[in-house]
Amino acid sequence: MKQGFVYILSNYKRNVFYIDVTSDLKKRLQEHRDGIDSAFTNKYKVHFLMYFEEFQSIQLAIEREKKLKNWRRDWKIDLIKTTNPDLINLNSQ
């Protein structure tokens, strides 16, 4: 069974958030930086990893993604701050 990740990206000003799911987080983050397959992240320059969760299956990750996309903005920010209180780019570490 293939693992899955839910992740949240943001822009430099941290005022736009993007939630997605992938089976290969490292590869997908590189694709976002390279401008591959996401008009939204290119348009709003959403390339900074704020948060991610790992799941044992891609299906569980998809279920979590659907829930998170229905959350209010402040709930998403509070979730991010549970593991990343300073809203730093986790992908630069």
PDB file of N, CA and C in Angstrom:
ATOM      1  N   MET A   1       0.847  -1.186   0.000  1.00  0.00           N
ATOM      2  CA  MET A   1       0.000   0.000   0.000  1.00  0.00           C
ATOM      3  C   MET A   1       0.892   1.249   0.000  1.00  0.00           C
ATOM      4  N   LYS A   2       0.534   2.187  -0.807  1.00  0.00           N
ATOM      5  CA  LYS A   2       1.328   3.406  -0.971  1.00  0.00           C
ATOM      6  C   LYS A   2       1.000   4.419   0.115  1.00  0.00           C
ATOM      7  N   GLN A   3       2.046   5.000   0.728  1.00  0.00           N
ATOM      8  CA  GLN A   3       1.833   6.024   1.749  1.00  0.00           C
ATOM      9  C   GLN A   3       1.324   7.306   1.106  1.00  0.00           C
ATOM     10  N   GLY A   4       0.831   8.203   1.945  1.00  0.00           N
ATOM     11  CA  GLY A   4       0.333   9.472   1.436  1.00  0.00           C
ATOM     12  C   GLY A   4       0.670  10.607   2.376  1.00  0.00           C
ATOM     13  N   PHE A   5       0.659  11.809   1.835  1.00  0.00           N
ATOM     14  CA  PHE A   5       0.922  13.024   2.594  1.00  0.00           C
ATOM     15  C   PHE A   5      -0.135  14.064   2.271  1.00  0.00           C
ATOM     16  N   VAL A   6      -0.574  14.780   3.281  1.00  0.00           N
ATOM     17  CA  VAL A   6      -1.352  16.002   3.107  1.00  0.00           C
ATOM     18  C   VAL A   6      -0.400  17.122   3.475  1.00  0.00           C
ATOM     19  N   TYR A   7      -0.399  18.181   2.681  1.00  0.00           N
ATOM     20  CA  TYR A   7       0.513  19.277   2.972  1.00  0.00           C
ATOM     21  C   TYR A   7      -0.161  20.615   2.730  1.00  0.00           C
ATOM     22  N   ILE A   8       0.366  21.628   3.424  1.00  0.00           N
ATOM     23  CA  ILE A   8      -0.142  22.988   3.272  1.00  0.00           C
ATOM     24  C   ILE A   8       1.025  23.881   2.874  1.00  0.00           C
ATOM     25  N   LEU A   9       0.842  24.583   1.768  1.00  0.00           N
ATOM     26  CA  LEU A   9       1.823  25.549   1.295  1.00  0.00           C
ATOM     27  C   LEU A   9       1.287  26.951   1.517  1.00  0.00           C
ATOM     28  N   SER A  10       2.194  27.920   1.537  1.00  0.00           N
ATOM     29  CA  SER A  10       1.790  29.316   1.629  1.00  0.00           C
ATOM     30  C   SER A  10       2.730  30.167   0.771  1.00  0.00           C
ATOM     31  N   ASN A  11       2.366  31.420   0.624  1.00  0.00           N
ATOM     32  CA  ASN A  11       3.209  32.359  -0.113  1.00  0.00           C
ATOM     33  C   ASN A  11       4.129  33.090   0.870  1.00  0.00           C
ATOM     34  N   TYR A  12       4.941  33.992   0.366  1.00  0.00           N
ATOM     35  CA  TYR A  12       5.909  34.707   1.189  1.00  0.00           C
ATOM     36  C   TYR A  12       5.249  35.486   2.328  1.00  0.00           C
ATOM     37  N   LYS A  13       4.110  36.125   2.031  1.00  0.00           N
ATOM     38  CA  LYS A  13       3.418  36.940   3.042  1.00  0.00           C
ATOM     39  C   LYS A  13       2.548  36.106   3.984  1.00  0.00           C
ATOM     40  N   ARG A  14       2.421  34.821   3.698  1.00  0.00           N
ATOM     41  CA  ARG A  14       1.616  33.898   4.520  1.00  0.00           C
ATOM     42  C   ARG A  14       0.142  34.295   4.546  1.00  0.00           C
ATOM     43  N   ASN A  15      -0.357  34.828   3.433  1.00  0.00           N
ATOM     44  CA  ASN A  15      -1.775  35.205   3.378  1.00  0.00           C
ATOM     45  C   ASN A  15      -2.584  34.350   2.400  1.00  0.00           C
ATOM     46  N   VAL A  16      -1.918  33.415   1.720  1.00  0.00           N
ATOM     47  CA  VAL A  16      -2.595  32.469   0.836  1.00  0.00           C
ATOM     48  C   VAL A  16      -2.153  31.073   1.261  1.00  0.00           C
ATOM     49  N   PHE A  17      -3.119  30.162   1.394  1.00  0.00           N
ATOM     50  CA  PHE A  17      -2.795  28.785   1.768  1.00  0.00           C
ATOM     51  C   PHE A  17      -3.338  27.823   0.723  1.00  0.00           C
ATOM     52  N   TYR A  18      -2.594  26.745   0.510  1.00  0.00           N
ATOM     53  CA  TYR A  18      -2.923  25.747  -0.500  1.00  0.00           C
ATOM     54  C   TYR A  18      -2.772  24.373   0.133  1.00  0.00           C
ATOM     55  N   ILE A  19      -3.803  23.558   0.063  1.00  0.00           N
ATOM     56  CA  ILE A  19      -3.783  22.208   0.631  1.00  0.00           C
ATOM     57  C   ILE A  19      -3.862  21.204  -0.499  1.00  0.00           C
ATOM     58  N   ASP A  20      -3.007  20.182  -0.430  1.00  0.00           N
ATOM     59  CA  ASP A  20      -3.021  19.141  -1.456  1.00  0.00           C
ATOM     60  C   ASP A  20      -2.557  17.831  -0.840  1.00  0.00           C
ATOM     61  N   VAL A  21      -2.561  16.789  -1.655  1.00  0.00           N
ATOM     62  CA  VAL A  21      -2.171  15.447  -1.228  1.00  0.00           C
ATOM     63  C   VAL A  21      -1.219  14.866  -2.269  1.00  0.00           C
ATOM     64  N   THR A  22      -0.294  14.018  -1.805  1.00  0.00           N
ATOM     65  CA  THR A  22       0.660  13.391  -2.710  1.00  0.00           C
ATOM     66  C   THR A  22       1.177  12.101  -2.092  1.00  0.00           C
ATOM     67  N   SER A  23       1.745  11.244  -2.913  1.00  0.00           N
ATOM     68  CA  SER A  23       2.390  10.039  -2.396  1.00  0.00           C
ATOM     69  C   SER A  23       3.900  10.244  -2.253  1.00  0.00           C
ATOM     70  N   ASP A  24       4.416  11.331  -2.822  1.00  0.00           N
ATOM     71  CA  ASP A  24       5.854  11.621  -2.757  1.00  0.00           C
ATOM     72  C   ASP A  24       6.034  13.111  -2.475  1.00  0.00           C
ATOM     73  N   LEU A  25       6.142  13.455  -1.204  1.00  0.00           N
ATOM     74  CA  LEU A  25       6.161  14.860  -0.796  1.00  0.00           C
ATOM     75  C   LEU A  25       7.370  15.597  -1.357  1.00  0.00           C
ATOM     76  N   LYS A  26       8.532  15.020  -1.250  1.00  0.00           N
ATOM     77  CA  LYS A  26       9.746  15.691  -1.724  1.00  0.00           C
ATOM     78  C   LYS A  26       9.656  16.021  -3.219  1.00  0.00           C
ATOM     79  N   LYS A  27       9.211  15.057  -3.998  1.00  0.00           N
ATOM     80  CA  LYS A  27       9.076  15.257  -5.450  1.00  0.00           C
ATOM     81  C   LYS A  27       8.027  16.324  -5.753  1.00  0.00           C
ATOM     82  N   ARG A  28       6.904  16.268  -5.053  1.00  0.00           N
ATOM     83  CA  ARG A  28       5.816  17.219  -5.323  1.00  0.00           C
ATOM     84  C   ARG A  28       6.221  18.652  -4.967  1.00  0.00           C
ATOM     85  N   LEU A  29       6.960  18.811  -3.877  1.00  0.00           N
ATOM     86  CA  LEU A  29       7.422  20.151  -3.505  1.00  0.00           C
ATOM     87  C   LEU A  29       8.360  20.709  -4.566  1.00  0.00           C
ATOM     88  N   GLN A  30       9.202  19.859  -5.127  1.00  0.00           N
ATOM     89  CA  GLN A  30      10.097  20.296  -6.202  1.00  0.00           C
ATOM     90  C   GLN A  30       9.290  20.695  -7.436  1.00  0.00           C
ATOM     91  N   GLU A  31       8.239  19.941  -7.733  1.00  0.00           N
ATOM     92  CA  GLU A  31       7.372  20.283  -8.869  1.00  0.00           C
ATOM     93  C   GLU A  31       6.713  21.649  -8.664  1.00  0.00           C
ATOM     94  N   HIS A  32       6.283  21.932  -7.445  1.00  0.00           N
ATOM     95  CA  HIS A  32       5.698  23.254  -7.165  1.00  0.00           C
ATOM     96  C   HIS A  32       6.746  24.348  -7.407  1.00  0.00           C
ATOM     97  N   ARG A  33       7.945  24.144  -6.918  1.00  0.00           N
ATOM     98  CA  ARG A  33       9.008  25.150  -7.104  1.00  0.00           C
ATOM     99  C   ARG A  33       9.343  25.327  -8.586  1.00  0.00           C
ATOM    100  N   ASP A  34       9.265  24.244  -9.347  1.00  0.00           N
ATOM    101  CA  ASP A  34       9.578  24.296 -10.779  1.00  0.00           C
ATOM    102  C   ASP A  34       8.394  24.750 -11.632  1.00  0.00           C
ATOM    103  N   GLY A  35       7.232  24.954 -11.004  1.00  0.00           N
ATOM    104  CA  GLY A  35       6.059  25.430 -11.729  1.00  0.00           C
ATOM    105  C   GLY A  35       5.349  24.356 -12.528  1.00  0.00           C
ATOM    106  N   ILE A  36       5.440  23.099 -12.092  1.00  0.00           N
ATOM    107  CA  ILE A  36       4.838  21.975 -12.817  1.00  0.00           C
ATOM    108  C   ILE A  36       3.476  21.626 -12.206  1.00  0.00           C
ATOM    109  N   ASP A  37       2.446  21.552 -13.050  1.00  0.00           N
ATOM    110  CA  ASP A  37       1.135  21.003 -12.684  1.00  0.00           C
ATOM    111  C   ASP A  37       0.317  21.767 -11.663  1.00  0.00           C
ATOM    112  N   SER A  38       0.557  23.032 -11.441  1.00  0.00           N
ATOM    113  CA  SER A  38      -0.313  23.767 -10.533  1.00  0.00           C
ATOM    114  C   SER A  38      -0.357  25.242 -10.890  1.00  0.00           C
ATOM    115  N   ALA A  39      -1.380  25.615 -11.623  1.00  0.00           N
ATOM    116  CA  ALA A  39      -1.555  27.010 -12.012  1.00  0.00           C
ATOM    117  C   ALA A  39      -1.774  27.898 -10.777  1.00  0.00           C
ATOM    118  N   PHE A  40      -2.484  27.380  -9.783  1.00  0.00           N
ATOM    119  CA  PHE A  40      -2.762  28.164  -8.575  1.00  0.00           C
ATOM    120  C   PHE A  40      -1.473  28.517  -7.840  1.00  0.00           C
ATOM    121  N   THR A  41      -0.630  27.526  -7.596  1.00  0.00           N
ATOM    122  CA  THR A  41       0.598  27.808  -6.841  1.00  0.00           C
ATOM    123  C   THR A  41       1.538  28.713  -7.629  1.00  0.00           C
ATOM    124  N   ASN A  42       1.516  28.611  -8.946  1.00  0.00           N
ATOM    125  CA  ASN A  42       2.329  29.514  -9.774  1.00  0.00           C
ATOM    126  C   ASN A  42       1.790  30.940  -9.715  1.00  0.00           C
ATOM    127  N   LYS A  43       0.490  31.075  -9.872  1.00  0.00           N
ATOM    128  CA  LYS A  43      -0.127  32.401  -9.902  1.00  0.00           C
ATOM    129  C   LYS A  43       0.090  33.160  -8.597  1.00  0.00           C
ATOM    130  N   TYR A  44      -0.076  32.468  -7.467  1.00  0.00           N
ATOM    131  CA  TYR A  44       0.008  33.119  -6.159  1.00  0.00           C
ATOM    132  C   TYR A  44       1.355  32.906  -5.468  1.00  0.00           C
ATOM    133  N   LYS A  45       2.311  32.313  -6.172  1.00  0.00           N
ATOM    134  CA  LYS A  45       3.666  32.084  -5.639  1.00  0.00           C
ATOM    135  C   LYS A  45       3.621  31.352  -4.291  1.00  0.00           C
ATOM    136  N   VAL A  46       2.843  30.285  -4.271  1.00  0.00           N
ATOM    137  CA  VAL A  46       2.651  29.481  -3.067  1.00  0.00           C
ATOM    138  C   VAL A  46       3.637  28.316  -3.118  1.00  0.00           C
ATOM    139  N   HIS A  47       4.826  28.524  -2.536  1.00  0.00           N
ATOM    140  CA  HIS A  47       5.894  27.529  -2.626  1.00  0.00           C
ATOM    141  C   HIS A  47       6.512  27.175  -1.283  1.00  0.00           C
ATOM    142  N   PHE A  48       5.993  27.712  -0.186  1.00  0.00           N
ATOM    143  CA  PHE A  48       6.593  27.519   1.133  1.00  0.00           C
ATOM    144  C   PHE A  48       5.812  26.473   1.926  1.00  0.00           C
ATOM    145  N   LEU A  49       6.482  25.402   2.320  1.00  0.00           N
ATOM    146  CA  LEU A  49       5.842  24.326   3.080  1.00  0.00           C
ATOM    147  C   LEU A  49       5.629  24.764   4.521  1.00  0.00           C
ATOM    148  N   MET A  50       4.370  24.810   4.939  1.00  0.00           N
ATOM    149  CA  MET A  50       4.016  25.229   6.286  1.00  0.00           C
ATOM    150  C   MET A  50       3.716  24.046   7.204  1.00  0.00           C
ATOM    151  N   TYR A  51       3.174  22.971   6.608  1.00  0.00           N
ATOM    152  CA  TYR A  51       2.648  21.875   7.425  1.00  0.00           C
ATOM    153  C   TYR A  51       2.499  20.638   6.555  1.00  0.00           C
ATOM    154  N   PHE A  52       2.662  19.460   7.167  1.00  0.00           N
ATOM    155  CA  PHE A  52       2.346  18.222   6.467  1.00  0.00           C
ATOM    156  C   PHE A  52       2.016  17.129   7.470  1.00  0.00           C
ATOM    157  N   GLU A  53       1.262  16.154   7.006  1.00  0.00           N
ATOM    158  CA  GLU A  53       0.931  14.958   7.778  1.00  0.00           C
ATOM    159  C   GLU A  53       1.218  13.760   6.897  1.00  0.00           C
ATOM    160  N   GLU A  54       1.726  12.697   7.489  1.00  0.00           N
ATOM    161  CA  GLU A  54       2.011  11.465   6.754  1.00  0.00           C
ATOM    162  C   GLU A  54       0.989  10.403   7.135  1.00  0.00           C
ATOM    163  N   PHE A  55       0.540   9.625   6.147  1.00  0.00           N
ATOM    164  CA  PHE A  55      -0.455   8.580   6.354  1.00  0.00           C
ATOM    165  C   PHE A  55       0.038   7.260   5.774  1.00  0.00           C
ATOM    166  N   GLN A  56      -0.481   6.171   6.292  1.00  0.00           N
ATOM    167  CA  GLN A  56      -0.077   4.848   5.826  1.00  0.00           C
ATOM    168  C   GLN A  56      -0.609   4.542   4.429  1.00  0.00           C
ATOM    169  N   SER A  57      -1.648   5.248   4.008  1.00  0.00           N
ATOM    170  CA  SER A  57      -2.187   5.029   2.665  1.00  0.00           C
ATOM    171  C   SER A  57      -2.577   6.357   2.034  1.00  0.00           C
ATOM    172  N   ILE A  58      -2.542   6.384   0.721  1.00  0.00           N
ATOM    173  CA  ILE A  58      -2.932   7.593  -0.007  1.00  0.00           C
ATOM    174  C   ILE A  58      -4.420   7.883   0.216  1.00  0.00           C
ATOM    175  N   GLN A  59      -5.230   6.827   0.383  1.00  0.00           N
ATOM    176  CA  GLN A  59      -6.668   7.020   0.597  1.00  0.00           C
ATOM    177  C   GLN A  59      -6.942   7.758   1.898  1.00  0.00           C
ATOM    178  N   LEU A  60      -6.215   7.431   2.965  1.00  0.00           N
ATOM    179  CA  LEU A  60      -6.378   8.144   4.235  1.00  0.00           C
ATOM    180  C   LEU A  60      -5.956   9.604   4.086  1.00  0.00           C
ATOM    181  N   ALA A  61      -4.904   9.846   3.317  1.00  0.00           N
ATOM    182  CA  ALA A  61      -4.443  11.218   3.073  1.00  0.00           C
ATOM    183  C   ALA A  61      -5.500  12.013   2.313  1.00  0.00           C
ATOM    184  N   ILE A  62      -6.127  11.394   1.336  1.00  0.00           N
ATOM    185  CA  ILE A  62      -7.175  12.056   0.557  1.00  0.00           C
ATOM    186  C   ILE A  62      -8.365  12.417   1.452  1.00  0.00           C
ATOM    187  N   GLU A  63      -8.746  11.505   2.345  1.00  0.00           N
ATOM    188  CA  GLU A  63      -9.847  11.780   3.267  1.00  0.00           C
ATOM    189  C   GLU A  63      -9.525  12.976   4.169  1.00  0.00           C
ATOM    190  N   ARG A  64      -8.304  13.019   4.665  1.00  0.00           N
ATOM    191  CA  ARG A  64      -7.885  14.140   5.521  1.00  0.00           C
ATOM    192  C   ARG A  64      -7.858  15.451   4.738  1.00  0.00           C
ATOM    193  N   GLU A  65      -7.360  15.395   3.501  1.00  0.00           N
ATOM    194  CA  GLU A  65      -7.310  16.592   2.651  1.00  0.00           C
ATOM    195  C   GLU A  65      -8.706  17.179   2.464  1.00  0.00           C
ATOM    196  N   LYS A  66      -9.675  16.339   2.188  1.00  0.00           N
ATOM    197  CA  LYS A  66     -11.052  16.804   1.980  1.00  0.00           C
ATOM    198  C   LYS A  66     -11.587  17.504   3.227  1.00  0.00           C
ATOM    199  N   LYS A  67     -11.266  16.953   4.393  1.00  0.00           N
ATOM    200  CA  LYS A  67     -11.719  17.584   5.643  1.00  0.00           C
ATOM    201  C   LYS A  67     -11.056  18.947   5.819  1.00  0.00           C
ATOM    202  N   LEU A  68      -9.742  18.997   5.634  1.00  0.00           N
ATOM    203  CA  LEU A  68      -9.009  20.247   5.843  1.00  0.00           C
ATOM    204  C   LEU A  68      -9.460  21.344   4.882  1.00  0.00           C
ATOM    205  N   LYS A  69      -9.786  20.975   3.665  1.00  0.00           N
ATOM    206  CA  LYS A  69     -10.219  21.978   2.693  1.00  0.00           C
ATOM    207  C   LYS A  69     -11.547  22.623   3.088  1.00  0.00           C
ATOM    208  N   ASN A  70     -12.306  21.961   3.934  1.00  0.00           N
ATOM    209  CA  ASN A  70     -13.577  22.520   4.399  1.00  0.00           C
ATOM    210  C   ASN A  70     -13.433  23.333   5.682  1.00  0.00           C
ATOM    211  N   TRP A  71     -12.255  23.344   6.249  1.00  0.00           N
ATOM    212  CA  TRP A  71     -12.014  24.099   7.486  1.00  0.00           C
ATOM    213  C   TRP A  71     -11.987  25.590   7.212  1.00  0.00           C
ATOM    214  N   ARG A  72     -12.302  26.355   8.269  1.00  0.00           N
ATOM    215  CA  ARG A  72     -12.161  27.812   8.208  1.00  0.00           C
ATOM    216  C   ARG A  72     -10.675  28.172   8.200  1.00  0.00           C
ATOM    217  N   ARG A  73     -10.376  29.327   7.662  1.00  0.00           N
ATOM    218  CA  ARG A  73      -8.987  29.795   7.548  1.00  0.00           C
ATOM    219  C   ARG A  73      -8.267  29.811   8.907  1.00  0.00           C
ATOM    220  N   ASP A  74      -8.924  30.338   9.941  1.00  0.00           N
ATOM    221  CA  ASP A  74      -8.266  30.423  11.248  1.00  0.00           C
ATOM    222  C   ASP A  74      -7.990  29.037  11.838  1.00  0.00           C
ATOM    223  N   TRP A  75      -8.823  28.061  11.549  1.00  0.00           N
ATOM    224  CA  TRP A  75      -8.571  26.698  12.015  1.00  0.00           C
ATOM    225  C   TRP A  75      -7.315  26.138  11.341  1.00  0.00           C
ATOM    226  N   LYS A  76      -7.170  26.420  10.049  1.00  0.00           N
ATOM    227  CA  LYS A  76      -5.980  25.948   9.317  1.00  0.00           C
ATOM    228  C   LYS A  76      -4.715  26.583   9.892  1.00  0.00           C
ATOM    229  N   ILE A  77      -4.770  27.860  10.169  1.00  0.00           N
ATOM    230  CA  ILE A  77      -3.604  28.550  10.740  1.00  0.00           C
ATOM    231  C   ILE A  77      -3.286  27.977  12.119  1.00  0.00           C
ATOM    232  N   ASP A  78      -4.305  27.728  12.926  1.00  0.00           N
ATOM    233  CA  ASP A  78      -4.080  27.128  14.241  1.00  0.00           C
ATOM    234  C   ASP A  78      -3.450  25.740  14.112  1.00  0.00           C
ATOM    235  N   LEU A  79      -3.888  24.953  13.140  1.00  0.00           N
ATOM    236  CA  LEU A  79      -3.309  23.630  12.901  1.00  0.00           C
ATOM    237  C   LEU A  79      -1.833  23.758  12.533  1.00  0.00           C
ATOM    238  N   ILE A  80      -1.520  24.636  11.620  1.00  0.00           N
ATOM    239  CA  ILE A  80      -0.133  24.851  11.210  1.00  0.00           C
ATOM    240  C   ILE A  80       0.719  25.209  12.425  1.00  0.00           C
ATOM    241  N   LYS A  81       0.197  26.096  13.256  1.00  0.00           N
ATOM    242  CA  LYS A  81       0.966  26.583  14.405  1.00  0.00           C
ATOM    243  C   LYS A  81       1.194  25.527  15.480  1.00  0.00           C
ATOM    244  N   THR A  82       0.464  24.401  15.438  1.00  0.00           N
ATOM    245  CA  THR A  82       0.716  23.336  16.413  1.00  0.00           C
ATOM    246  C   THR A  82       2.111  22.743  16.237  1.00  0.00           C
ATOM    247  N   THR A  83       2.618  22.729  15.009  1.00  0.00           N
ATOM    248  CA  THR A  83       3.953  22.178  14.760  1.00  0.00           C
ATOM    249  C   THR A  83       4.920  23.208  14.187  1.00  0.00           C
ATOM    250  N   ASN A  84       4.390  24.339  13.743  1.00  0.00           N
ATOM    251  CA  ASN A  84       5.212  25.367  13.105  1.00  0.00           C
ATOM    252  C   ASN A  84       4.742  26.749  13.572  1.00  0.00           C
ATOM    253  N   PRO A  85       4.965  27.073  14.848  1.00  0.00           N
ATOM    254  CA  PRO A  85       4.399  28.305  15.413  1.00  0.00           C
ATOM    255  C   PRO A  85       4.895  29.603  14.762  1.00  0.00           C
ATOM    256  N   ASP A  86       6.070  29.583  14.170  1.00  0.00           N
ATOM    257  CA  ASP A  86       6.617  30.782  13.543  1.00  0.00           C
ATOM    258  C   ASP A  86       6.350  30.858  12.038  1.00  0.00           C
ATOM    259  N   LEU A  87       5.595  29.897  11.520  1.00  0.00           N
ATOM    260  CA  LEU A  87       5.241  29.832  10.098  1.00  0.00           C
ATOM    261  C   LEU A  87       6.486  29.913   9.196  1.00  0.00           C
ATOM    262  N   ILE A  88       7.504  29.138   9.560  1.00  0.00           N
ATOM    263  CA  ILE A  88       8.715  29.097   8.734  1.00  0.00           C
ATOM    264  C   ILE A  88       8.536  28.104   7.604  1.00  0.00           C
ATOM    265  N   ASN A  89       9.355  28.223   6.595  1.00  0.00           N
ATOM    266  CA  ASN A  89       9.328  27.288   5.476  1.00  0.00           C
ATOM    267  C   ASN A  89      10.008  25.985   5.899  1.00  0.00           C
ATOM    268  N   LEU A  90       9.233  24.953   6.097  1.00  0.00           N
ATOM    269  CA  LEU A  90       9.770  23.671   6.542  1.00  0.00           C
ATOM    270  C   LEU A  90      10.621  23.000   5.479  1.00  0.00           C
ATOM    271  N   ASN A  91      10.444  23.394   4.245  1.00  0.00           N
ATOM    272  CA  ASN A  91      11.178  22.772   3.147  1.00  0.00           C
ATOM    273  C   ASN A  91      12.614  23.303   3.020  1.00  0.00           C
ATOM    274  N   SER A  92      12.960  24.318   3.771  1.00  0.00           N
ATOM    275  CA  SER A  92      14.306  24.888   3.670  1.00  0.00           C
ATOM    276  C   SER A  92      15.238  24.309   4.726  1.00  0.00           C
ATOM    277  N   GLN A  93      14.741  23.372   5.503  1.00  0.00           N
ATOM    278  CA  GLN A  93      15.551  22.812   6.586  1.00  0.00           C
ATOM    279  C   GLN A  93      16.256  21.539   6.169  1.00  0.00           C
TER     280      GLN A  93
END
